[in-house]
Amino acid sequence: MTPDTTHFLELLERRIALLGSLAAALVAARTDVVAFDLDGLETRIADQEQLCGEIRSLDADIDQLQSQCATHFGSALNSTSAASQPHSLRMRETLGRLREAQVSVKQLNDAHQHLLRRSRRAVGALLNCYHTFAMTYSDPASGRVSIGERT
């Protein structure tokens, strides 16, 4: 296995690990939304931003290495004799795990977006109800007396 191949596999393994961490952060954020834990949600959002930044940086490294070695990797992945080579098998397995991680993060991200949209609608409905009845029920701490109240 060439040093470039080894480095490429290491970068892919790192990307898979970062995608796993991002998936865990999305699941934790969903739990925070359901539990109305705003501090936890803000922490998860910061974690997601950091992980996405690391993934972007890693993707730039992967793209650079890929362009340098495109012909080597392409011939190794497409030739029939390469399928029996250990590094080719490892490359295929790594790329398969990478695809699985990407699909998982995509599904979790879609579900998270859907949850946030529904939560926004629920909060909007609650605010509308609050504004509708704001004049009916006064704030007991304000000390004001509304119409119909006894003093």
Protein backbone atom coordinates (compact mmCIF):
# COMPACT_ATOMS: atom_id res chain seq x y z
CA MET A 1 0.00 0.00 0.00
CA THR A 2 1.40 3.37 -0.97
CA PRO A 3 1.82 6.19 1.57
CA ASP A 4 -0.79 8.22 -0.36
CA THR A 5 -3.28 5.36 -0.15
CA THR A 6 -2.64 4.98 3.56
CA HIS A 7 -3.06 8.72 4.11
CA PHE A 8 -6.26 8.74 2.05
CA LEU A 9 -7.70 5.87 4.09
CA GLU A 10 -6.78 7.68 7.31
CA LEU A 11 -8.57 10.81 6.12
CA LEU A 12 -11.65 8.77 5.21
CA GLU A 13 -11.61 7.05 8.61
CA ARG A 14 -11.40 10.47 10.29
CA ARG A 15 -14.34 11.69 8.21
CA ILE A 16 -16.37 8.63 9.20
CA ALA A 17 -15.60 9.33 12.88
CA LEU A 18 -16.61 12.99 12.53
CA LEU A 19 -19.86 12.02 10.80
CA GLY A 20 -20.55 9.62 13.68
CA SER A 21 -20.00 12.45 16.16
CA LEU A 22 -22.27 14.71 14.11
CA ALA A 23 -24.98 12.02 14.11
CA ALA A 24 -24.69 11.74 17.90
CA ALA A 25 -24.96 15.54 18.24
CA LEU A 26 -28.12 15.53 16.08
CA VAL A 27 -29.70 12.81 18.21
CA ALA A 28 -28.79 14.69 21.40
CA ALA A 29 -30.23 17.92 19.95
CA ARG A 30 -33.50 16.14 19.21
CA THR A 31 -33.64 15.03 22.85
CA ASP A 32 -32.97 18.61 23.97
CA VAL A 33 -35.75 19.97 21.75
CA VAL A 34 -38.26 17.45 23.09
CA ALA A 35 -37.19 18.19 26.69
CA PHE A 36 -37.30 21.99 26.09
CA ASP A 37 -33.66 22.16 27.22
CA LEU A 38 -32.58 25.36 25.45
CA ASP A 39 -29.13 25.45 27.04
CA GLY A 40 -28.49 21.88 25.94
CA LEU A 41 -29.77 22.66 22.45
CA GLU A 42 -27.46 25.66 22.16
CA THR A 43 -24.54 23.46 23.23
CA ARG A 44 -25.47 20.85 20.61
CA ILE A 45 -25.73 23.51 17.91
CA ALA A 46 -22.25 24.76 18.80
CA ASP A 47 -20.98 21.17 18.67
CA GLN A 48 -22.58 20.67 15.26
CA GLU A 49 -21.01 23.88 13.94
CA GLN A 50 -17.58 22.79 15.15
CA LEU A 51 -17.95 19.30 13.66
CA CYS A 52 -19.14 20.70 10.32
CA GLY A 53 -16.10 23.00 10.25
CA GLU A 54 -13.79 20.06 10.90
CA ILE A 55 -15.52 18.04 8.17
CA ARG A 56 -15.17 20.92 5.69
CA SER A 57 -11.46 21.20 6.49
CA LEU A 58 -11.00 17.46 6.14
CA ASP A 59 -12.92 17.45 2.86
CA ALA A 60 -10.48 20.02 1.48
CA ASP A 61 -7.59 17.71 2.41
CA ILE A 62 -9.36 14.72 0.87
CA ASP A 63 -10.11 16.64 -2.34
CA GLN A 64 -6.51 17.75 -2.64
CA LEU A 65 -5.15 14.23 -2.12
CA GLN A 66 -7.77 12.77 -4.42
CA SER A 67 -6.86 15.09 -7.26
CA GLN A 68 -3.17 14.24 -6.82
CA CYS A 69 -3.81 10.51 -6.94
CA ALA A 70 -6.97 10.23 -9.07
CA THR A 71 -5.47 7.98 -11.69
CA HIS A 72 -3.89 5.63 -9.16
CA PHE A 73 -7.06 5.26 -7.08
CA GLY A 74 -9.29 5.01 -10.13
CA SER A 75 -7.27 2.19 -11.66
CA ALA A 76 -6.97 0.41 -8.32
CA LEU A 77 -10.73 0.53 -7.72
CA ASN A 78 -11.77 -0.36 -11.26
CA SER A 79 -9.37 -3.16 -12.17
CA THR A 80 -10.45 -6.74 -11.62
CA SER A 81 -7.07 -7.81 -10.25
CA ALA A 82 -7.17 -5.02 -7.68
CA ALA A 83 -10.29 -6.53 -6.11
CA SER A 84 -8.14 -9.29 -4.66
CA GLN A 85 -5.55 -6.91 -3.20
CA PRO A 86 -5.91 -6.20 0.53
CA HIS A 87 -5.63 -2.43 0.18
CA SER A 88 -8.29 -2.42 -2.53
CA LEU A 89 -10.62 -4.41 -0.32
CA ARG A 90 -9.93 -2.06 2.59
CA MET A 91 -10.61 0.93 0.31
CA ARG A 92 -13.95 -0.51 -0.79
CA GLU A 93 -14.95 -1.30 2.80
CA THR A 94 -13.97 2.18 3.97
CA LEU A 95 -15.87 3.85 1.14
CA GLY A 96 -18.91 1.68 1.94
CA ARG A 97 -18.81 2.72 5.60
CA LEU A 98 -18.41 6.33 4.54
CA ARG A 99 -21.53 6.11 2.36
CA GLU A 100 -23.47 4.54 5.25
CA ALA A 101 -22.36 7.31 7.63
CA GLN A 102 -23.33 9.99 5.12
CA VAL A 103 -26.78 8.45 4.58
CA SER A 104 -27.32 8.21 8.34
CA VAL A 105 -26.36 11.86 8.94
CA LYS A 106 -28.58 12.96 6.02
CA GLN A 107 -31.57 11.10 7.49
CA LEU A 108 -30.94 12.48 10.98
CA ASN A 109 -30.51 15.99 9.61
CA ASP A 110 -33.79 15.75 7.66
CA ALA A 111 -35.60 14.50 10.77
CA HIS A 112 -34.05 17.29 12.86
CA GLN A 113 -35.16 19.94 10.35
CA HIS A 114 -38.66 18.51 10.38
CA LEU A 115 -38.74 18.55 14.20
CA LEU A 116 -37.55 22.16 14.30
CA ARG A 117 -40.17 23.25 11.74
CA ARG A 118 -42.93 21.56 13.75
CA SER A 119 -41.60 23.04 16.98
CA ARG A 120 -41.58 26.50 15.42
CA ARG A 121 -45.23 26.05 14.44
CA ALA A 122 -46.14 24.85 17.94
CA VAL A 123 -44.38 27.81 19.56
CA GLY A 124 -46.10 30.16 17.12
CA ALA A 125 -49.49 28.69 18.00
CA LEU A 126 -48.75 29.03 21.73
CA LEU A 127 -47.69 32.65 21.27
CA ASN A 128 -50.89 33.39 19.35
CA CYS A 129 -52.92 31.89 22.18
CA TYR A 130 -50.97 33.88 24.72
CA HIS A 131 -51.50 37.14 22.82
CA THR A 132 -55.20 36.35 22.37
CA PHE A 133 -55.75 35.89 26.11
CA ALA A 134 -53.18 38.40 27.38
CA MET A 135 -55.82 40.99 28.13
CA THR A 136 -58.14 38.46 29.77
CA TYR A 137 -55.67 37.32 32.36
CA SER A 138 -53.57 39.95 34.06
CA ASP A 139 -50.17 39.43 35.56
CA PRO A 140 -50.72 38.97 39.30
CA ALA A 141 -47.34 40.48 40.02
CA SER A 142 -48.21 43.76 38.31
CA GLY A 143 -50.71 44.75 40.99
CA ARG A 144 -53.20 46.07 38.45
CA VAL A 145 -56.85 45.25 38.75
CA SER A 146 -58.65 44.27 35.56
CA ILE A 147 -62.32 44.62 34.82
CA GLY A 148 -64.32 42.02 36.71
CA GLU A 149 -61.72 41.44 39.38
CA ARG A 150 -62.39 42.09 43.03
CA THR A 151 -60.01 43.98 45.24
